[in-house]
Amino acid sequence: MKKILALSTVIGLGAMAVPSAMAQTYQTYGTHNPAEVSPCQVENCVYKREPGEPADPVWPAFWQSDWTMYRVYGPDAGKYPPPYRGKPPQGATYQTSRGRTFYDSTWRGKSGEGAMEERYDEYCLPIFPLDNHYSCKFISLGNTAYFVAGEGRPDWMPKLCLFSGMNHPPRRDFVSHLPYSKEDSARIGPGGQGYSFWVNAVNGYVMQVGASPDLTEQGGILFGYGFQTNAKGEVMPQSFYFSGYPFAPANAPYVSQNYVNFASTQPSQDVWSEVAGIDPTTLPACQLFQPPQEATPGLKAGAAPVKRAPTWGDIGRWKPQ
């Protein structure tokens, strides 16, 4: 296998404003970054399908959908890998919250092409070493991604910050950047198509295709996406499943956003109004992957050390503890 180069990240920027070119860049193996700046294990970050595997699904030009987010946790979480056909299996310990995604590939602006918003109601995305009991939004306009913190956010967190200056919405054919998993597909059920891999946070290598078995203890990070054929014969998004931050305070070894009420309709341009026209160079850089010491258990002065886990922001530079 070819080596996947390290994820480059600018850290320790506090709350000062930074140019978008300096903002964090999170290599996502072609999904949110162009292939030429996303070092991958396969040529152009595109997986060639084997004979007998289904053709790659393609997102509609625009769409919007509600979803239910399942945070699976507890000592036995590894026994219940996603994707989930509906709710997590009997025996799994999980929390339920909700949100909505808006997507428009036809959007064009100075920052690039494509617009997307993921809105998390009550509980934010649990991939950071933070208590996520607050609402939030991730809004991408072209290559610029903003983070909007809502009700219940921590005192140290700004309402609006720059998440990344190189993080575009997934292209309609983004699933070509993920390997097909027969086992994941079977868990979705009839007509299911699952695509996923585990990435090693230390060296960036792809460790495994498919969500099972669990590789959290080996420093792995899961990223996966599921589709399913509907009654009309259309292959539609079924779930987005991934590793959250596995230890407290997020406590989210597995996370799955299962889509409901999916509609191929164009979102109103008002959806992006919170960030439209804002100069990203005037915004503070977000500190989500590396929050202030006072916000993180185990980093407070005099606190007992706690076990740490890698995040997507650590890929390629994580040192096992």
Protein backbone atom coordinates (compact mmCIF):
# COMPACT_ATOMS: atom_id res chain seq x y z
CA MET A 1 0.00 0.00 0.00
CA LYS A 2 1.14 3.51 -0.72
CA LYS A 3 1.62 5.65 2.34
CA ILE A 4 -1.02 8.26 3.06
CA LEU A 5 0.76 11.45 4.04
CA ALA A 6 0.04 13.23 7.30
CA LEU A 7 -2.87 15.51 7.90
CA SER A 8 -1.58 19.08 8.08
CA THR A 9 -3.16 21.24 10.74
CA VAL A 10 -2.51 24.70 12.11
CA ILE A 11 -3.10 24.60 15.86
CA GLY A 12 -2.72 26.77 18.91
CA LEU A 13 -4.21 29.82 17.23
CA GLY A 14 -6.47 30.69 20.14
CA ALA A 15 -9.16 33.21 19.30
CA MET A 16 -7.16 35.45 17.00
CA ALA A 17 -8.30 36.06 13.44
CA VAL A 18 -6.40 34.19 10.74
CA PRO A 19 -6.47 34.22 6.92
CA SER A 20 -8.47 31.38 5.42
CA ALA A 21 -5.31 30.00 3.80
CA MET A 22 -3.93 29.43 7.30
CA ALA A 23 -7.04 27.82 8.71
CA GLN A 24 -7.09 24.12 9.50
CA THR A 25 -6.93 21.70 6.61
CA TYR A 26 -8.30 18.25 7.41
CA GLN A 27 -7.37 15.71 4.78
CA THR A 28 -10.43 13.60 4.08
CA TYR A 29 -9.08 11.34 1.35
CA GLY A 30 -10.80 13.24 -1.42
CA THR A 31 -14.25 13.72 0.12
CA HIS A 32 -13.90 17.33 1.30
CA ASN A 33 -10.60 18.24 -0.38
CA PRO A 34 -9.59 18.13 -4.05
CA ALA A 35 -7.56 15.08 -4.99
CA GLU A 36 -4.41 17.09 -5.68
CA VAL A 37 -4.22 18.22 -2.06
CA SER A 38 -5.57 14.99 -0.55
CA PRO A 39 -2.79 12.38 -0.45
CA CYS A 40 -4.50 9.02 -0.87
CA GLN A 41 -3.76 5.33 -1.01
CA VAL A 42 -5.25 4.89 -4.44
CA GLU A 43 -4.75 6.97 -7.57
CA ASN A 44 -6.76 10.21 -7.57
CA CYS A 45 -8.42 9.06 -4.34
CA VAL A 46 -10.82 6.92 -6.42
CA TYR A 47 -11.58 3.27 -5.64
CA LYS A 48 -12.17 1.07 -8.67
CA ARG A 49 -15.12 -1.28 -8.18
CA GLU A 50 -14.62 -5.00 -8.56
CA PRO A 51 -16.79 -7.19 -10.81
CA GLY A 52 -20.09 -7.91 -9.10
CA GLU A 53 -20.02 -4.78 -6.94
CA PRO A 54 -22.78 -2.21 -7.48
CA ALA A 55 -22.26 0.97 -9.45
CA ASP A 56 -21.46 4.04 -7.36
CA PRO A 57 -24.52 6.01 -6.24
CA VAL A 58 -24.56 9.73 -7.09
CA TRP A 59 -26.21 12.41 -4.98
CA PRO A 60 -28.97 14.52 -6.57
CA ALA A 61 -27.84 18.02 -7.66
CA PHE A 62 -29.54 19.36 -4.54
CA TRP A 63 -31.42 17.87 -1.63
CA GLN A 64 -32.46 18.29 1.99
CA SER A 65 -33.22 15.74 4.65
CA ASP A 66 -33.92 15.25 8.34
CA TRP A 67 -31.90 12.64 10.15
CA THR A 68 -31.76 10.85 13.48
CA MET A 69 -28.34 10.66 15.11
CA TYR A 70 -27.49 7.64 17.24
CA ARG A 71 -24.54 7.90 19.62
CA VAL A 72 -23.60 4.35 20.61
CA TYR A 73 -21.49 4.13 23.75
CA GLY A 74 -20.61 2.01 26.77
CA PRO A 75 -18.13 -0.85 27.35
CA ASP A 76 -19.86 -3.07 24.77
CA ALA A 77 -20.16 -0.47 22.00
CA GLY A 78 -17.69 -2.35 19.79
CA LYS A 79 -20.15 -5.25 19.55
CA TYR A 80 -22.64 -3.10 17.66
CA PRO A 81 -20.89 -1.63 14.60
CA PRO A 82 -22.81 0.50 12.11
CA PRO A 83 -24.42 0.89 9.68
CA TYR A 84 -27.78 0.41 11.37
CA ARG A 85 -30.90 -0.60 9.44
CA GLY A 86 -32.93 1.54 11.82
CA LYS A 87 -32.21 1.93 15.50
CA PRO A 88 -29.02 0.29 16.82
CA PRO A 89 -29.44 -3.42 17.59
CA GLN A 90 -31.04 -4.69 20.78
CA GLY A 91 -28.46 -4.69 23.56
CA ALA A 92 -26.68 -1.53 22.39
CA THR A 93 -26.59 1.52 24.66
CA TYR A 94 -27.32 4.66 22.69
CA GLN A 95 -28.56 8.23 22.77
CA THR A 96 -30.88 9.70 20.14
CA SER A 97 -30.82 13.28 18.81
CA ARG A 98 -31.84 14.93 15.56
CA GLY A 99 -30.79 17.36 12.87
CA ARG A 100 -31.10 18.26 9.22
CA THR A 101 -28.82 18.56 6.16
CA PHE A 102 -29.18 21.00 3.25
CA TYR A 103 -27.14 20.46 0.05
CA ASP A 104 -26.86 22.40 -3.22
CA SER A 105 -24.13 21.47 -5.69
CA THR A 106 -25.23 24.27 -8.04
CA TRP A 107 -24.19 27.08 -5.64
CA ARG A 108 -21.34 29.24 -6.94
CA GLY A 109 -19.38 31.99 -5.22
CA LYS A 110 -15.94 33.54 -4.76
CA SER A 111 -14.94 30.71 -2.42
CA GLY A 112 -15.69 27.95 -4.93
CA GLU A 113 -18.65 25.73 -5.72
CA GLY A 114 -21.22 23.84 -3.71
CA ALA A 115 -23.04 24.70 -0.49
CA MET A 116 -23.96 22.51 2.46
CA GLU A 117 -25.26 22.93 5.98
CA GLU A 118 -25.49 20.28 8.67
CA ARG A 119 -27.67 21.42 11.56
CA TYR A 120 -27.41 19.60 14.87
CA ASP A 121 -30.34 20.16 17.22
CA GLU A 122 -29.62 20.01 20.96
CA TYR A 123 -26.48 17.83 20.60
CA CYS A 124 -23.57 18.89 18.38
CA LEU A 125 -21.38 16.56 16.32
CA PRO A 126 -19.56 14.35 18.90
CA ILE A 127 -16.20 13.93 17.14
CA PHE A 128 -14.38 16.43 19.36
CA PRO A 129 -13.04 15.93 22.94
CA LEU A 130 -15.85 18.13 24.28
CA ASP A 131 -19.20 17.88 25.95
CA ASN A 132 -21.49 18.17 22.90
CA HIS A 133 -24.72 19.13 24.67
CA TYR A 134 -25.35 22.27 22.64
CA SER A 135 -26.79 22.96 19.20
CA CYS A 136 -24.49 23.77 16.27
CA LYS A 137 -24.18 24.09 12.51
CA PHE A 138 -21.43 23.39 9.99
CA ILE A 139 -21.87 25.54 6.88
CA SER A 140 -19.66 25.12 3.82
CA LEU A 141 -19.73 27.62 0.97
CA GLY A 142 -17.26 26.54 -1.70
CA ASN A 143 -13.95 25.74 -0.01
CA THR A 144 -14.70 27.68 3.17
CA ALA A 145 -16.29 25.90 6.12
CA TYR A 146 -17.79 27.78 9.06
CA PHE A 147 -18.87 26.57 12.47
CA VAL A 148 -21.86 28.20 14.17
CA ALA A 149 -22.32 27.39 17.86
CA GLY A 150 -25.84 27.65 19.18
CA GLU A 151 -27.81 27.42 22.37
CA GLY A 152 -25.94 25.92 25.32
CA ARG A 153 -22.44 26.35 23.86
CA PRO A 154 -19.49 26.55 26.30
CA ASP A 155 -18.54 30.02 27.56
CA TRP A 156 -15.15 29.96 25.80
CA MET A 157 -16.61 29.08 22.39
CA PRO A 158 -17.34 31.92 19.92
CA LYS A 159 -20.71 31.90 18.21
CA LEU A 160 -19.04 31.89 14.78
CA CYS A 161 -15.56 30.67 13.85
CA LEU A 162 -13.62 29.47 10.82
CA PHE A 163 -13.55 25.68 10.74
CA SER A 164 -11.43 25.35 7.59
CA GLY A 165 -10.37 27.29 4.52
CA MET A 166 -10.13 24.09 2.47
CA ASN A 167 -13.17 21.96 3.21
CA HIS A 168 -15.76 21.90 0.45
CA PRO A 169 -19.08 20.01 0.47
CA PRO A 170 -18.74 16.46 -0.85
CA ARG A 171 -19.14 16.30 -4.63
CA ARG A 172 -22.12 14.38 -5.96
CA ASP A 173 -19.86 11.40 -6.76
CA PHE A 174 -17.97 11.52 -3.44
CA VAL A 175 -18.62 7.85 -2.65
CA SER A 176 -15.95 6.96 -5.24
CA HIS A 177 -13.46 7.93 -2.52
CA LEU A 178 -14.63 5.12 -0.23
CA PRO A 179 -14.14 1.37 -0.66
CA TYR A 180 -17.21 -0.85 -0.98
CA SER A 181 -17.97 -3.17 1.94
CA LYS A 182 -20.12 -6.25 1.39
CA GLU A 183 -20.52 -6.71 5.15
CA ASP A 184 -21.68 -3.13 5.73
CA SER A 185 -24.13 -3.50 2.86
CA ALA A 186 -25.64 -6.62 4.40
CA ARG A 187 -26.26 -4.83 7.71
CA ILE A 188 -28.24 -2.12 5.90
CA GLY A 189 -30.51 -4.81 4.50
CA PRO A 190 -31.99 -5.59 1.07
CA GLY A 191 -30.86 -3.07 -1.51
CA GLY A 192 -28.20 -1.73 0.84
CA GLN A 193 -24.81 -0.40 -0.27
CA GLY A 194 -22.21 0.39 2.39
CA TYR A 195 -18.84 2.07 1.86
CA SER A 196 -16.32 2.55 4.66
CA PHE A 197 -12.77 2.30 5.96
CA TRP A 198 -10.82 2.60 9.19
CA VAL A 199 -7.85 4.99 9.10
CA ASN A 200 -4.81 4.63 11.37
CA ALA A 201 -4.35 7.92 13.22
CA VAL A 202 -0.59 7.39 13.61
CA ASN A 203 0.45 6.99 9.98
CA GLY A 204 -2.71 7.66 7.99
CA TYR A 205 -2.86 4.18 6.47
CA VAL A 206 -6.18 2.54 5.69
CA MET A 207 -6.32 -0.24 8.25
CA GLN A 208 -9.48 -2.06 7.17
CA VAL A 209 -12.39 -1.94 4.75
CA GLY A 210 -15.74 -2.24 6.51
CA ALA A 211 -16.88 -1.14 9.96
CA SER A 212 -16.44 -4.53 11.65
CA PRO A 213 -14.45 -5.52 13.64
CA ASP A 214 -14.04 -2.47 15.87
CA LEU A 215 -10.56 -0.89 15.67
CA THR A 216 -10.99 1.93 18.16
CA GLU A 217 -8.50 0.43 20.63
CA GLN A 218 -5.93 0.15 17.83
CA GLY A 219 -6.09 3.89 17.18
CA GLY A 220 -8.44 3.57 14.21
CA ILE A 221 -10.98 6.12 13.02
CA LEU A 222 -14.04 4.99 11.03
CA PHE A 223 -15.66 6.83 8.14
CA GLY A 224 -18.58 5.31 6.24
CA TYR A 225 -21.66 6.03 4.16
CA GLY A 226 -24.68 3.91 3.38
CA PHE A 227 -27.25 3.93 0.56
CA GLN A 228 -30.42 1.92 0.01
CA THR A 229 -32.79 1.33 -2.89
CA ASN A 230 -36.26 2.76 -2.30
CA ALA A 231 -39.65 1.56 -3.58
CA LYS A 232 -39.12 3.47 -6.85
CA GLY A 233 -35.85 1.69 -7.51
CA GLU A 234 -33.78 4.80 -6.70
CA VAL A 235 -30.56 4.41 -4.69
CA MET A 236 -30.87 7.00 -1.93
CA PRO A 237 -28.74 8.02 1.09
CA GLN A 238 -29.44 5.79 4.07
CA SER A 239 -26.88 6.76 6.72
CA PHE A 240 -23.59 8.51 7.44
CA TYR A 241 -21.65 6.50 10.05
CA PHE A 242 -18.32 7.21 11.71
CA SER A 243 -16.17 7.24 14.82
CA GLY A 244 -16.96 9.90 17.38
CA TYR A 245 -14.63 10.79 20.22
CA PRO A 246 -14.76 7.51 22.21
CA PHE A 247 -13.99 8.77 25.70
CA ALA A 248 -15.66 11.27 28.04
CA PRO A 249 -16.85 13.92 27.67
CA ALA A 250 -18.19 13.13 24.17
CA ASN A 251 -18.30 9.38 24.85
CA ALA A 252 -19.18 8.42 21.26
CA PRO A 253 -17.31 5.35 19.95
CA TYR A 254 -19.86 4.97 17.12
CA VAL A 255 -22.14 7.57 15.58
CA SER A 256 -24.71 7.14 12.83
CA GLN A 257 -26.89 9.76 11.17
CA ASN A 258 -29.82 7.87 9.62
CA TYR A 259 -31.74 9.86 7.01
CA VAL A 260 -35.51 10.36 7.10
CA ASN A 261 -37.77 12.44 4.85
CA PHE A 262 -35.09 12.73 2.17
CA ALA A 263 -36.21 15.06 -0.63
CA SER A 264 -34.43 16.07 -3.85
CA THR A 265 -35.54 19.68 -3.50
CA GLN A 266 -33.41 22.82 -3.59
CA PRO A 267 -32.82 24.53 -0.24
CA SER A 268 -33.69 28.20 0.12
CA GLN A 269 -30.70 30.52 -0.20
CA ASP A 270 -31.67 31.83 3.24
CA VAL A 271 -30.12 28.67 4.67
CA TRP A 272 -26.63 30.09 4.14
CA SER A 273 -27.49 33.65 5.17
CA GLU A 274 -25.72 33.40 8.55
CA VAL A 275 -22.33 33.28 6.85
CA ALA A 276 -22.98 34.61 3.33
CA GLY A 277 -20.88 37.72 2.73
CA ILE A 278 -18.68 37.24 5.80
CA ASP A 279 -14.94 37.66 5.23
CA PRO A 280 -13.47 34.45 6.72
CA THR A 281 -10.13 36.17 7.42
CA THR A 282 -11.88 38.24 10.09
CA LEU A 283 -12.98 35.19 12.06
CA PRO A 284 -11.23 33.36 14.89
CA ALA A 285 -10.02 29.85 14.12
CA CYS A 286 -12.12 27.14 15.75
CA GLN A 287 -10.58 25.10 18.56
CA LEU A 288 -12.82 22.09 18.33
CA PHE A 289 -10.21 19.36 17.99
CA GLN A 290 -7.93 21.07 20.52
CA PRO A 291 -10.13 23.03 22.92
CA PRO A 292 -8.71 25.24 25.69
CA GLN A 293 -7.24 23.40 28.65
CA GLU A 294 -9.99 24.49 30.99
CA ALA A 295 -12.56 22.86 28.69
CA THR A 296 -10.90 19.46 28.55
CA PRO A 297 -10.86 16.89 31.37
CA GLY A 298 -7.33 15.75 32.21
CA LEU A 299 -5.73 18.99 31.02
CA LYS A 300 -6.86 21.17 33.91
CA ALA A 301 -4.16 22.12 36.38
CA GLY A 302 -3.95 19.46 39.09
CA ALA A 303 -6.35 17.09 37.33
CA ALA A 304 -5.61 13.38 37.25
CA PRO A 305 -4.45 12.20 33.79
CA VAL A 306 -7.15 10.64 31.65
CA LYS A 307 -6.92 8.31 28.71
CA ARG A 308 -6.86 10.19 25.41
CA ALA A 309 -7.93 9.11 21.93
CA PRO A 310 -7.04 10.40 18.46
CA THR A 311 -9.41 12.52 16.39
CA TRP A 312 -9.67 13.34 12.69
CA GLY A 313 -7.51 16.35 13.52
CA ASP A 314 -4.67 14.07 14.70
CA ILE A 315 -4.32 11.84 11.64
CA GLY A 316 -0.68 11.38 10.72
CA ARG A 317 0.72 12.92 13.89
CA TRP A 318 -0.92 11.00 16.73
CA LYS A 319 1.40 9.48 19.30
CA PRO A 320 -0.02 6.47 21.12
CA GLN A 321 -0.33 6.99 24.86
